[in-house]
Amino acid sequence: MLRLGSGLNIICCAVSGGLGLVAPGLSRLLAVRLLPNDLRDADNSIALNLCVIGLLGVFAVGYPGYFVFDAIWPSSYYSPIASAKNAWLLGQAPFIAIYFTGAVVMFNAVRRALNTNPAIT
């Protein structure tokens, strides 16, 4: 049975992950405006790529993967089939870790850049 409600939940999670990129992006924007030096180093592009890969991976496992897992374990999303739910969540776990790693790399890049700014007295 095809149920689109679960796919919409995954889309909402991916969108909220995209909104989670607003905080590091705004802090990077603020750091660029405050500092005389440029923040366009390798860490920032790596961080963005990691976050994008993480969000796309969660979406790929979550939405299209839902139909694959539903074909293997019919109606597994709505019934307590532990092995199906564990497989589905374990498929998403590496991408969540990749997203989190990208967010940490971005935070550290902005923190290092702001630490180079001399204090105004």
PDB file of N, CA and C in Angstrom:
ATOM      1  N   MET A   1       0.838  -1.171   0.000  1.00  0.00           N
ATOM      2  CA  MET A   1       0.000   0.000   0.000  1.00  0.00           C
ATOM      3  C   MET A   1       0.887   1.241   0.000  1.00  0.00           C
ATOM      4  N   LEU A   2       0.602   2.163  -0.850  1.00  0.00           N
ATOM      5  CA  LEU A   2       1.384   3.385  -0.993  1.00  0.00           C
ATOM      6  C   LEU A   2       0.855   4.449  -0.053  1.00  0.00           C
ATOM      7  N   ARG A   3       1.718   4.914   0.850  1.00  0.00           N
ATOM      8  CA  ARG A   3       1.345   5.974   1.780  1.00  0.00           C
ATOM      9  C   ARG A   3       2.372   7.084   1.664  1.00  0.00           C
ATOM     10  N   LEU A   4       1.924   8.244   1.294  1.00  0.00           N
ATOM     11  CA  LEU A   4       2.841   9.353   1.073  1.00  0.00           C
ATOM     12  C   LEU A   4       3.122  10.161   2.331  1.00  0.00           C
ATOM     13  N   GLY A   5       2.425   9.918   3.408  1.00  0.00           N
ATOM     14  CA  GLY A   5       2.629  10.684   4.625  1.00  0.00           C
ATOM     15  C   GLY A   5       4.046  10.560   5.158  1.00  0.00           C
ATOM     16  N   SER A   6       4.611   9.361   5.095  1.00  0.00           N
ATOM     17  CA  SER A   6       5.971   9.173   5.611  1.00  0.00           C
ATOM     18  C   SER A   6       6.986   9.909   4.749  1.00  0.00           C
ATOM     19  N   GLY A   7       6.747   9.955   3.452  1.00  0.00           N
ATOM     20  CA  GLY A   7       7.644  10.699   2.575  1.00  0.00           C
ATOM     21  C   GLY A   7       7.632  12.184   2.880  1.00  0.00           C
ATOM     22  N   LEU A   8       6.472  12.686   3.219  1.00  0.00           N
ATOM     23  CA  LEU A   8       6.385  14.096   3.579  1.00  0.00           C
ATOM     24  C   LEU A   8       7.117  14.373   4.884  1.00  0.00           C
ATOM     25  N   ASN A   9       7.095  13.423   5.811  1.00  0.00           N
ATOM     26  CA  ASN A   9       7.852  13.583   7.051  1.00  0.00           C
ATOM     27  C   ASN A   9       9.343  13.692   6.754  1.00  0.00           C
ATOM     28  N   ILE A  10       9.837  12.879   5.837  1.00  0.00           N
ATOM     29  CA  ILE A  10      11.257  12.901   5.487  1.00  0.00           C
ATOM     30  C   ILE A  10      11.599  14.205   4.792  1.00  0.00           C
ATOM     31  N   ILE A  11      10.721  14.679   3.939  1.00  0.00           N
ATOM     32  CA  ILE A  11      10.968  15.955   3.271  1.00  0.00           C
ATOM     33  C   ILE A  11      11.036  17.078   4.301  1.00  0.00           C
ATOM     34  N   CYS A  12      10.158  17.042   5.284  1.00  0.00           N
ATOM     35  CA  CYS A  12      10.184  18.056   6.349  1.00  0.00           C
ATOM     36  C   CYS A  12      11.485  17.988   7.138  1.00  0.00           C
ATOM     37  N   CYS A  13      11.981  16.783   7.380  1.00  0.00           N
ATOM     38  CA  CYS A  13      13.262  16.637   8.093  1.00  0.00           C
ATOM     39  C   CYS A  13      14.406  17.205   7.262  1.00  0.00           C
ATOM     40  N   ALA A  14      14.396  16.949   5.958  1.00  0.00           N
ATOM     41  CA  ALA A  14      15.454  17.477   5.103  1.00  0.00           C
ATOM     42  C   ALA A  14      15.376  19.006   5.026  1.00  0.00           C
ATOM     43  N   VAL A  15      14.168  19.540   4.976  1.00  0.00           N
ATOM     44  CA  VAL A  15      14.020  20.998   4.938  1.00  0.00           C
ATOM     45  C   VAL A  15      14.494  21.611   6.256  1.00  0.00           C
ATOM     46  N   SER A  16      14.166  20.966   7.375  1.00  0.00           N
ATOM     47  CA  SER A  16      14.630  21.505   8.658  1.00  0.00           C
ATOM     48  C   SER A  16      16.147  21.409   8.772  1.00  0.00           C
ATOM     49  N   GLY A  17      16.745  20.386   8.177  1.00  0.00           N
ATOM     50  CA  GLY A  17      18.205  20.315   8.136  1.00  0.00           C
ATOM     51  C   GLY A  17      18.786  21.438   7.301  1.00  0.00           C
ATOM     52  N   GLY A  18      18.112  21.774   6.209  1.00  0.00           N
ATOM     53  CA  GLY A  18      18.535  22.920   5.413  1.00  0.00           C
ATOM     54  C   GLY A  18      18.409  24.212   6.184  1.00  0.00           C
ATOM     55  N   LEU A  19      17.345  24.346   6.967  1.00  0.00           N
ATOM     56  CA  LEU A  19      17.204  25.532   7.806  1.00  0.00           C
ATOM     57  C   LEU A  19      18.266  25.551   8.899  1.00  0.00           C
ATOM     58  N   GLY A  20      18.734  24.371   9.306  1.00  0.00           N
ATOM     59  CA  GLY A  20      19.811  24.301  10.289  1.00  0.00           C
ATOM     60  C   GLY A  20      21.115  24.873   9.763  1.00  0.00           C
ATOM     61  N   LEU A  21      21.240  24.976   8.452  1.00  0.00           N
ATOM     62  CA  LEU A  21      22.434  25.577   7.856  1.00  0.00           C
ATOM     63  C   LEU A  21      22.404  27.099   7.927  1.00  0.00           C
ATOM     64  N   VAL A  22      21.276  27.662   8.315  1.00  0.00           N
ATOM     65  CA  VAL A  22      21.155  29.118   8.389  1.00  0.00           C
ATOM     66  C   VAL A  22      22.086  29.680   9.460  1.00  0.00           C
ATOM     67  N   ALA A  23      22.149  29.046  10.633  1.00  0.00           N
ATOM     68  CA  ALA A  23      22.982  29.560  11.725  1.00  0.00           C
ATOM     69  C   ALA A  23      24.466  29.599  11.352  1.00  0.00           C
ATOM     70  N   PRO A  24      25.052  28.496  10.830  1.00  0.00           N
ATOM     71  CA  PRO A  24      26.460  28.613  10.422  1.00  0.00           C
ATOM     72  C   PRO A  24      26.654  29.592   9.262  1.00  0.00           C
ATOM     73  N   GLY A  25      25.685  29.663   8.354  1.00  0.00           N
ATOM     74  CA  GLY A  25      25.804  30.587   7.238  1.00  0.00           C
ATOM     75  C   GLY A  25      25.767  32.038   7.680  1.00  0.00           C
ATOM     76  N   LEU A  26      24.866  32.344   8.595  1.00  0.00           N
ATOM     77  CA  LEU A  26      24.793  33.722   9.096  1.00  0.00           C
ATOM     78  C   LEU A  26      26.025  34.079   9.924  1.00  0.00           C
ATOM     79  N   SER A  27      26.542  33.132  10.697  1.00  0.00           N
ATOM     80  CA  SER A  27      27.752  33.436  11.463  1.00  0.00           C
ATOM     81  C   SER A  27      28.944  33.628  10.529  1.00  0.00           C
ATOM     82  N   ARG A  28      29.003  32.885   9.437  1.00  0.00           N
ATOM     83  CA  ARG A  28      30.076  33.088   8.461  1.00  0.00           C
ATOM     84  C   ARG A  28      29.921  34.441   7.778  1.00  0.00           C
ATOM     85  N   LEU A  29      28.699  34.805   7.450  1.00  0.00           N
ATOM     86  CA  LEU A  29      28.442  36.109   6.836  1.00  0.00           C
ATOM     87  C   LEU A  29      28.850  37.245   7.776  1.00  0.00           C
ATOM     88  N   LEU A  30      28.537  37.121   9.040  1.00  0.00           N
ATOM     89  CA  LEU A  30      28.923  38.128  10.018  1.00  0.00           C
ATOM     90  C   LEU A  30      30.444  38.204  10.150  1.00  0.00           C
ATOM     91  N   ALA A  31      31.112  37.044  10.163  1.00  0.00           N
ATOM     92  CA  ALA A  31      32.567  37.030  10.279  1.00  0.00           C
ATOM     93  C   ALA A  31      33.221  37.672   9.064  1.00  0.00           C
ATOM     94  N   VAL A  32      32.673  37.438   7.883  1.00  0.00           N
ATOM     95  CA  VAL A  32      33.220  38.046   6.666  1.00  0.00           C
ATOM     96  C   VAL A  32      33.090  39.558   6.725  1.00  0.00           C
ATOM     97  N   ARG A  33      31.995  40.046   7.277  1.00  0.00           N
ATOM     98  CA  ARG A  33      31.802  41.499   7.356  1.00  0.00           C
ATOM     99  C   ARG A  33      32.676  42.136   8.427  1.00  0.00           C
ATOM    100  N   LEU A  34      32.971  41.404   9.490  1.00  0.00           N
ATOM    101  CA  LEU A  34      33.754  41.966  10.584  1.00  0.00           C
ATOM    102  C   LEU A  34      35.261  41.914  10.352  1.00  0.00           C
ATOM    103  N   LEU A  35      35.702  40.960   9.567  1.00  0.00           N
ATOM    104  CA  LEU A  35      37.143  40.749   9.429  1.00  0.00           C
ATOM    105  C   LEU A  35      37.671  41.339   8.133  1.00  0.00           C
ATOM    106  N   PRO A  36      38.892  41.833   8.184  1.00  0.00           N
ATOM    107  CA  PRO A  36      39.489  42.342   6.957  1.00  0.00           C
ATOM    108  C   PRO A  36      39.942  41.217   6.018  1.00  0.00           C
ATOM    109  N   ASN A  37      40.290  40.076   6.581  1.00  0.00           N
ATOM    110  CA  ASN A  37      40.744  38.978   5.722  1.00  0.00           C
ATOM    111  C   ASN A  37      39.543  38.196   5.205  1.00  0.00           C
ATOM    112  N   ASP A  38      39.793  37.407   4.179  1.00  0.00           N
ATOM    113  CA  ASP A  38      38.727  36.667   3.518  1.00  0.00           C
ATOM    114  C   ASP A  38      38.583  35.285   4.143  1.00  0.00           C
ATOM    115  N   LEU A  39      37.367  34.809   4.262  1.00  0.00           N
ATOM    116  CA  LEU A  39      37.109  33.494   4.861  1.00  0.00           C
ATOM    117  C   LEU A  39      36.914  32.396   3.821  1.00  0.00           C
ATOM    118  N   ARG A  40      37.212  32.666   2.594  1.00  0.00           N
ATOM    119  CA  ARG A  40      36.993  31.647   1.567  1.00  0.00           C
ATOM    120  C   ARG A  40      38.148  30.667   1.537  1.00  0.00           C
ATOM    121  N   ASP A  41      38.252  29.832   2.545  1.00  0.00           N
ATOM    122  CA  ASP A  41      39.294  28.815   2.564  1.00  0.00           C
ATOM    123  C   ASP A  41      38.678  27.452   2.304  1.00  0.00           C
ATOM    124  N   ALA A  42      39.512  26.426   2.316  1.00  0.00           N
ATOM    125  CA  ALA A  42      39.056  25.081   1.980  1.00  0.00           C
ATOM    126  C   ALA A  42      38.065  24.537   2.993  1.00  0.00           C
ATOM    127  N   ASP A  43      38.181  24.934   4.267  1.00  0.00           N
ATOM    128  CA  ASP A  43      37.276  24.407   5.287  1.00  0.00           C
ATOM    129  C   ASP A  43      35.822  24.765   5.003  1.00  0.00           C
ATOM    130  N   ASN A  44      35.591  25.969   4.511  1.00  0.00           N
ATOM    131  CA  ASN A  44      34.216  26.388   4.268  1.00  0.00           C
ATOM    132  C   ASN A  44      33.581  25.607   3.125  1.00  0.00           C
ATOM    133  N   SER A  45      34.314  25.361   2.049  1.00  0.00           N
ATOM    134  CA  SER A  45      33.740  24.600   0.948  1.00  0.00           C
ATOM    135  C   SER A  45      33.570  23.139   1.326  1.00  0.00           C
ATOM    136  N   ILE A  46      34.494  22.604   2.119  1.00  0.00           N
ATOM    137  CA  ILE A  46      34.352  21.233   2.591  1.00  0.00           C
ATOM    138  C   ILE A  46      33.123  21.120   3.487  1.00  0.00           C
ATOM    139  N   ALA A  47      32.930  22.092   4.362  1.00  0.00           N
ATOM    140  CA  ALA A  47      31.781  22.074   5.270  1.00  0.00           C
ATOM    141  C   ALA A  47      30.472  22.122   4.495  1.00  0.00           C
ATOM    142  N   LEU A  48      30.400  22.999   3.507  1.00  0.00           N
ATOM    143  CA  LEU A  48      29.180  23.089   2.706  1.00  0.00           C
ATOM    144  C   LEU A  48      28.922  21.786   1.969  1.00  0.00           C
ATOM    145  N   ASN A  49      29.957  21.218   1.365  1.00  0.00           N
ATOM    146  CA  ASN A  49      29.788  19.958   0.639  1.00  0.00           C
ATOM    147  C   ASN A  49      29.345  18.834   1.561  1.00  0.00           C
ATOM    148  N   LEU A  50      29.922  18.761   2.756  1.00  0.00           N
ATOM    149  CA  LEU A  50      29.528  17.719   3.701  1.00  0.00           C
ATOM    150  C   LEU A  50      28.063  17.877   4.108  1.00  0.00           C
ATOM    151  N   CYS A  51      27.646  19.091   4.376  1.00  0.00           N
ATOM    152  CA  CYS A  51      26.255  19.316   4.774  1.00  0.00           C
ATOM    153  C   CYS A  51      25.285  18.976   3.643  1.00  0.00           C
ATOM    154  N   VAL A  52      25.623  19.359   2.431  1.00  0.00           N
ATOM    155  CA  VAL A  52      24.755  19.061   1.288  1.00  0.00           C
ATOM    156  C   VAL A  52      24.684  17.556   1.056  1.00  0.00           C
ATOM    157  N   ILE A  53      25.820  16.866   1.115  1.00  0.00           N
ATOM    158  CA  ILE A  53      25.828  15.409   0.952  1.00  0.00           C
ATOM    159  C   ILE A  53      24.988  14.748   2.045  1.00  0.00           C
ATOM    160  N   GLY A  54      25.122  15.246   3.269  1.00  0.00           N
ATOM    161  CA  GLY A  54      24.334  14.686   4.365  1.00  0.00           C
ATOM    162  C   GLY A  54      22.843  14.861   4.155  1.00  0.00           C
ATOM    163  N   LEU A  55      22.424  16.058   3.736  1.00  0.00           N
ATOM    164  CA  LEU A  55      20.995  16.304   3.513  1.00  0.00           C
ATOM    165  C   LEU A  55      20.454  15.487   2.343  1.00  0.00           C
ATOM    166  N   LEU A  56      21.213  15.413   1.259  1.00  0.00           N
ATOM    167  CA  LEU A  56      20.756  14.623   0.112  1.00  0.00           C
ATOM    168  C   LEU A  56      20.709  13.138   0.440  1.00  0.00           C
ATOM    169  N   GLY A  57      21.670  12.670   1.239  1.00  0.00           N
ATOM    170  CA  GLY A  57      21.670  11.262   1.636  1.00  0.00           C
ATOM    171  C   GLY A  57      20.488  10.912   2.514  1.00  0.00           C
ATOM    172  N   VAL A  58      20.175  11.783   3.469  1.00  0.00           N
ATOM    173  CA  VAL A  58      19.007  11.541   4.327  1.00  0.00           C
ATOM    174  C   VAL A  58      17.740  11.528   3.481  1.00  0.00           C
ATOM    175  N   PHE A  59      17.665  12.443   2.522  1.00  0.00           N
ATOM    176  CA  PHE A  59      16.503  12.465   1.638  1.00  0.00           C
ATOM    177  C   PHE A  59      16.442  11.195   0.787  1.00  0.00           C
ATOM    178  N   ALA A  60      17.583  10.763   0.235  1.00  0.00           N
ATOM    179  CA  ALA A  60      17.602   9.586  -0.643  1.00  0.00           C
ATOM    180  C   ALA A  60      17.213   8.315   0.109  1.00  0.00           C
ATOM    181  N   VAL A  61      17.725   8.159   1.307  1.00  0.00           N
ATOM    182  CA  VAL A  61      17.370   6.974   2.092  1.00  0.00           C
ATOM    183  C   VAL A  61      15.952   7.105   2.633  1.00  0.00           C
ATOM    184  N   GLY A  62      15.572   8.323   2.989  1.00  0.00           N
ATOM    185  CA  GLY A  62      14.283   8.522   3.623  1.00  0.00           C
ATOM    186  C   GLY A  62      13.106   8.438   2.684  1.00  0.00           C
ATOM    187  N   TYR A  63      13.163   9.127   1.570  1.00  0.00           N
ATOM    188  CA  TYR A  63      11.978   9.162   0.713  1.00  0.00           C
ATOM    189  C   TYR A  63      11.974   8.056  -0.339  1.00  0.00           C
ATOM    190  N   PRO A  64      12.913   8.027  -1.294  1.00  0.00           N
ATOM    191  CA  PRO A  64      12.899   6.899  -2.230  1.00  0.00           C
ATOM    192  C   PRO A  64      13.199   5.569  -1.521  1.00  0.00           C
ATOM    193  N   GLY A  65      14.050   5.644  -0.494  1.00  0.00           N
ATOM    194  CA  GLY A  65      14.364   4.427   0.255  1.00  0.00           C
ATOM    195  C   GLY A  65      13.161   3.854   0.967  1.00  0.00           C
ATOM    196  N   TYR A  66      12.208   4.705   1.320  1.00  0.00           N
ATOM    197  CA  TYR A  66      10.984   4.230   1.950  1.00  0.00           C
ATOM    198  C   TYR A  66      10.282   3.217   1.055  1.00  0.00           C
ATOM    199  N   PHE A  67      10.216   3.500  -0.238  1.00  0.00           N
ATOM    200  CA  PHE A  67       9.543   2.600  -1.157  1.00  0.00           C
ATOM    201  C   PHE A  67      10.325   1.296  -1.332  1.00  0.00           C
ATOM    202  N   VAL A  68      11.648   1.379  -1.290  1.00  0.00           N
ATOM    203  CA  VAL A  68      12.470   0.161  -1.374  1.00  0.00           C
ATOM    204  C   VAL A  68      12.242  -0.698  -0.141  1.00  0.00           C
ATOM    205  N   PHE A  69      12.307  -0.075   1.045  1.00  0.00           N
ATOM    206  CA  PHE A  69      12.094  -0.836   2.275  1.00  0.00           C
ATOM    207  C   PHE A  69      10.659  -1.357   2.354  1.00  0.00           C
ATOM    208  N   ASP A  70       9.711  -0.609   1.822  1.00  0.00           N
ATOM    209  CA  ASP A  70       8.326  -1.066   1.821  1.00  0.00           C
ATOM    210  C   ASP A  70       8.134  -2.257   0.887  1.00  0.00           C
ATOM    211  N   ALA A  71       8.939  -2.322  -0.180  1.00  0.00           N
ATOM    212  CA  ALA A  71       8.855  -3.479  -1.075  1.00  0.00           C
ATOM    213  C   ALA A  71       9.443  -4.728  -0.410  1.00  0.00           C
ATOM    214  N   ILE A  72      10.476  -4.542   0.406  1.00  0.00           N
ATOM    215  CA  ILE A  72      11.097  -5.682   1.096  1.00  0.00           C
ATOM    216  C   ILE A  72      10.242  -6.112   2.287  1.00  0.00           C
ATOM    217  N   TRP A  73       9.853  -5.150   3.120  1.00  0.00           N
ATOM    218  CA  TRP A  73       9.013  -5.411   4.299  1.00  0.00           C
ATOM    219  C   TRP A  73       7.716  -4.621   4.117  1.00  0.00           C
ATOM    220  N   PRO A  74       6.682  -5.238   3.546  1.00  0.00           N
ATOM    221  CA  PRO A  74       5.435  -4.496   3.290  1.00  0.00           C
ATOM    222  C   PRO A  74       4.866  -3.866   4.562  1.00  0.00           C
ATOM    223  N   SER A  75       4.486  -2.614   4.430  1.00  0.00           N
ATOM    224  CA  SER A  75       3.886  -1.808   5.492  1.00  0.00           C
ATOM    225  C   SER A  75       4.733  -1.768   6.755  1.00  0.00           C
ATOM    226  N   SER A  76       6.034  -1.780   6.572  1.00  0.00           N
ATOM    227  CA  SER A  76       6.953  -1.775   7.720  1.00  0.00           C
ATOM    228  C   SER A  76       6.966  -0.441   8.451  1.00  0.00           C
ATOM    229  N   TYR A  77       6.608   0.626   7.764  1.00  0.00           N
ATOM    230  CA  TYR A  77       6.623   1.941   8.410  1.00  0.00           C
ATOM    231  C   TYR A  77       5.492   2.067   9.432  1.00  0.00           C
ATOM    232  N   TYR A  78       4.404   1.361   9.198  1.00  0.00           N
ATOM    233  CA  TYR A  78       3.234   1.493  10.054  1.00  0.00           C
ATOM    234  C   TYR A  78       3.007   0.305  10.980  1.00  0.00           C
ATOM    235  N   SER A  79       3.844  -0.696  10.907  1.00  0.00           N
ATOM    236  CA  SER A  79       3.723  -1.847  11.805  1.00  0.00           C
ATOM    237  C   SER A  79       5.055  -2.062  12.503  1.00  0.00           C
ATOM    238  N   PRO A  80       5.041  -2.685  13.662  1.00  0.00           N
ATOM    239  CA  PRO A  80       6.283  -2.828  14.440  1.00  0.00           C
ATOM    240  C   PRO A  80       7.197  -3.946  13.926  1.00  0.00           C
ATOM    241  N   ILE A  81       7.842  -3.708  12.808  1.00  0.00           N
ATOM    242  CA  ILE A  81       8.850  -4.644  12.303  1.00  0.00           C
ATOM    243  C   ILE A  81      10.196  -4.022  12.634  1.00  0.00           C
ATOM    244  N   ALA A  82      10.797  -4.506  13.711  1.00  0.00           N
ATOM    245  CA  ALA A  82      12.012  -3.877  14.246  1.00  0.00           C
ATOM    246  C   ALA A  82      13.166  -3.925  13.257  1.00  0.00           C
ATOM    247  N   SER A  83      13.340  -5.045  12.562  1.00  0.00           N
ATOM    248  CA  SER A  83      14.478  -5.145  11.638  1.00  0.00           C
ATOM    249  C   SER A  83      14.357  -4.149  10.488  1.00  0.00           C
ATOM    250  N   ALA A  84      13.145  -3.914  10.014  1.00  0.00           N
ATOM    251  CA  ALA A  84      12.952  -2.957   8.919  1.00  0.00           C
ATOM    252  C   ALA A  84      13.227  -1.539   9.387  1.00  0.00           C
ATOM    253  N   LYS A  85      12.711  -1.182  10.545  1.00  0.00           N
ATOM    254  CA  LYS A  85      12.930   0.175  11.057  1.00  0.00           C
ATOM    255  C   LYS A  85      14.401   0.403  11.384  1.00  0.00           C
ATOM    256  N   ASN A  86      15.055  -0.610  11.945  1.00  0.00           N
ATOM    257  CA  ASN A  86      16.481  -0.473  12.253  1.00  0.00           C
ATOM    258  C   ASN A  86      17.303  -0.318  10.978  1.00  0.00           C
ATOM    259  N   ALA A  87      16.981  -1.080   9.946  1.00  0.00           N
ATOM    260  CA  ALA A  87      17.713  -0.967   8.679  1.00  0.00           C
ATOM    261  C   ALA A  87      17.508   0.411   8.057  1.00  0.00           C
ATOM    262  N   TRP A  88      16.287   0.907   8.119  1.00  0.00           N
ATOM    263  CA  TRP A  88      15.988   2.213   7.532  1.00  0.00           C
ATOM    264  C   TRP A  88      16.707   3.327   8.294  1.00  0.00           C
ATOM    265  N   LEU A  89      16.677   3.258   9.616  1.00  0.00           N
ATOM    266  CA  LEU A  89      17.349   4.286  10.414  1.00  0.00           C
ATOM    267  C   LEU A  89      18.869   4.178  10.322  1.00  0.00           C
ATOM    268  N   LEU A  90      19.390   2.958  10.264  1.00  0.00           N
ATOM    269  CA  LEU A  90      20.843   2.796  10.113  1.00  0.00           C
ATOM    270  C   LEU A  90      21.320   3.256   8.739  1.00  0.00           C
ATOM    271  N   GLY A  91      20.447   3.218   7.751  1.00  0.00           N
ATOM    272  CA  GLY A  91      20.795   3.762   6.436  1.00  0.00           C
ATOM    273  C   GLY A  91      20.919   5.272   6.463  1.00  0.00           C
ATOM    274  N   GLN A  92      20.159   5.913   7.346  1.00  0.00           N
ATOM    275  CA  GLN A  92      20.210   7.369   7.447  1.00  0.00           C
ATOM    276  C   GLN A  92      21.302   7.857   8.391  1.00  0.00           C
ATOM    277  N   ALA A  93      21.713   7.035   9.330  1.00  0.00           N
ATOM    278  CA  ALA A  93      22.678   7.453  10.357  1.00  0.00           C
ATOM    279  C   ALA A  93      23.997   7.986   9.787  1.00  0.00           C
ATOM    280  N   PRO A  94      24.613   7.326   8.793  1.00  0.00           N
ATOM    281  CA  PRO A  94      25.880   7.883   8.277  1.00  0.00           C
ATOM    282  C   PRO A  94      25.705   9.275   7.669  1.00  0.00           C
ATOM    283  N   PHE A  95      24.577   9.513   7.024  1.00  0.00           N
ATOM    284  CA  PHE A  95      24.357  10.824   6.405  1.00  0.00           C
ATOM    285  C   PHE A  95      24.089  11.892   7.449  1.00  0.00           C
ATOM    286  N   ILE A  96      23.441  11.528   8.538  1.00  0.00           N
ATOM    287  CA  ILE A  96      23.262  12.476   9.640  1.00  0.00           C
ATOM    288  C   ILE A  96      24.614  12.817  10.247  1.00  0.00           C
ATOM    289  N   ALA A  97      25.481  11.812  10.377  1.00  0.00           N
ATOM    290  CA  ALA A  97      26.833  12.060  10.898  1.00  0.00           C
ATOM    291  C   ALA A  97      27.639  12.946   9.952  1.00  0.00           C
ATOM    292  N   ILE A  98      27.484  12.750   8.644  1.00  0.00           N
ATOM    293  CA  ILE A  98      28.177  13.590   7.661  1.00  0.00           C
ATOM    294  C   ILE A  98      27.690  15.037   7.768  1.00  0.00           C
ATOM    295  N   TYR A  99      26.386  15.228   7.899  1.00  0.00           N
ATOM    296  CA  TYR A  99      25.823  16.580   8.059  1.00  0.00           C
ATOM    297  C   TYR A  99      26.373  17.235   9.322  1.00  0.00           C
ATOM    298  N   PHE A 100      26.371  16.497  10.428  1.00  0.00           N
ATOM    299  CA  PHE A 100      26.862  17.038  11.693  1.00  0.00           C
ATOM    300  C   PHE A 100      28.343  17.395  11.591  1.00  0.00           C
ATOM    301  N   THR A 101      29.131  16.558  10.902  1.00  0.00           N
ATOM    302  CA  THR A 101      30.552  16.841  10.709  1.00  0.00           C
ATOM    303  C   THR A 101      30.733  18.139   9.913  1.00  0.00           C
ATOM    304  N   GLY A 102      29.944  18.328   8.879  1.00  0.00           N
ATOM    305  CA  GLY A 102      30.022  19.567   8.107  1.00  0.00           C
ATOM    306  C   GLY A 102      29.675  20.788   8.939  1.00  0.00           C
ATOM    307  N   ALA A 103      28.661  20.659   9.804  1.00  0.00           N
ATOM    308  CA  ALA A 103      28.291  21.785  10.666  1.00  0.00           C
ATOM    309  C   ALA A 103      29.412  22.105  11.654  1.00  0.00           C
ATOM    310  N   VAL A 104      30.068  21.078  12.190  1.00  0.00           N
ATOM    311  CA  VAL A 104      31.177  21.297  13.133  1.00  0.00           C
ATOM    312  C   VAL A 104      32.372  21.932  12.419  1.00  0.00           C
ATOM    313  N   VAL A 105      32.665  21.472  11.193  1.00  0.00           N
ATOM    314  CA  VAL A 105      33.777  22.051  10.428  1.00  0.00           C
ATOM    315  C   VAL A 105      33.505  23.527  10.142  1.00  0.00           C
ATOM    316  N   MET A 106      32.266  23.864   9.779  1.00  0.00           N
ATOM    317  CA  MET A 106      31.918  25.269   9.525  1.00  0.00           C
ATOM    318  C   MET A 106      32.045  26.089  10.802  1.00  0.00           C
ATOM    319  N   PHE A 107      31.559  25.565  11.907  1.00  0.00           N
ATOM    320  CA  PHE A 107      31.664  26.273  13.176  1.00  0.00           C
ATOM    321  C   PHE A 107      33.122  26.540  13.529  1.00  0.00           C
ATOM    322  N   ASN A 108      33.978  25.534  13.364  1.00  0.00           N
ATOM    323  CA  ASN A 108      35.394  25.702  13.685  1.00  0.00           C
ATOM    324  C   ASN A 108      36.079  26.690  12.741  1.00  0.00           C
ATOM    325  N   ALA A 109      35.703  26.699  11.471  1.00  0.00           N
ATOM    326  CA  ALA A 109      36.301  27.646  10.526  1.00  0.00           C
ATOM    327  C   ALA A 109      35.941  29.078  10.897  1.00  0.00           C
ATOM    328  N   VAL A 110      34.677  29.308  11.256  1.00  0.00           N
ATOM    329  CA  VAL A 110      34.260  30.656  11.651  1.00  0.00           C
ATOM    330  C   VAL A 110      34.913  31.035  12.977  1.00  0.00           C
ATOM    331  N   ARG A 111      34.995  30.091  13.896  1.00  0.00           N
ATOM    332  CA  ARG A 111      35.616  30.370  15.196  1.00  0.00           C
ATOM    333  C   ARG A 111      37.081  30.745  15.035  1.00  0.00           C
ATOM    334  N   ARG A 112      37.817  29.992  14.197  1.00  0.00           N
ATOM    335  CA  ARG A 112      39.230  30.322  13.958  1.00  0.00           C
ATOM    336  C   ARG A 112      39.381  31.681  13.295  1.00  0.00           C
ATOM    337  N   ALA A 113      38.492  31.989  12.366  1.00  0.00           N
ATOM    338  CA  ALA A 113      38.571  33.287  11.691  1.00  0.00           C
ATOM    339  C   ALA A 113      38.285  34.423  12.664  1.00  0.00           C
ATOM    340  N   LEU A 114      37.309  34.238  13.515  1.00  0.00           N
ATOM    341  CA  LEU A 114      36.991  35.289  14.475  1.00  0.00           C
ATOM    342  C   LEU A 114      38.089  35.428  15.521  1.00  0.00           C
ATOM    343  N   ASN A 115      38.813  34.373  15.812  1.00  0.00           N
ATOM    344  CA  ASN A 115      39.915  34.448  16.783  1.00  0.00           C
ATOM    345  C   ASN A 115      41.087  35.244  16.233  1.00  0.00           C
ATOM    346  N   THR A 116      41.164  35.408  14.911  1.00  0.00           N
ATOM    347  CA  THR A 116      42.253  36.195  14.343  1.00  0.00           C
ATOM    348  C   THR A 116      41.976  37.691  14.413  1.00  0.00           C
ATOM    349  N   ASN A 117      40.746  38.048  14.713  1.00  0.00           N
ATOM    350  CA  ASN A 117      40.361  39.446  14.797  1.00  0.00           C
ATOM    351  C   ASN A 117      40.911  40.053  16.095  1.00  0.00           C
ATOM    352  N   PRO A 118      41.680  41.124  15.998  1.00  0.00           N
ATOM    353  CA  PRO A 118      42.186  41.737  17.222  1.00  0.00           C
ATOM    354  C   PRO A 118      41.066  42.392  18.023  1.00  0.00           C
ATOM    355  N   ALA A 119      41.213  42.398  19.323  1.00  0.00           N
ATOM    356  CA  ALA A 119      40.194  42.983  20.188  1.00  0.00           C
ATOM    357  C   ALA A 119      40.192  44.502  20.030  1.00  0.00           C
ATOM    358  N   ILE A 120      39.024  45.074  20.035  1.00  0.00           N
ATOM    359  CA  ILE A 120      38.877  46.520  19.921  1.00  0.00           C
ATOM    360  C   ILE A 120      38.786  47.073  21.347  1.00  0.00           C
ATOM    361  N   THR A 121      39.710  47.955  21.668  1.00  0.00           N
ATOM    362  CA  THR A 121      39.705  48.521  23.027  1.00  0.00           C
ATOM    363  C   THR A 121      39.424  50.000  23.012  1.00  0.00           C
TER     364      THR A 121
END
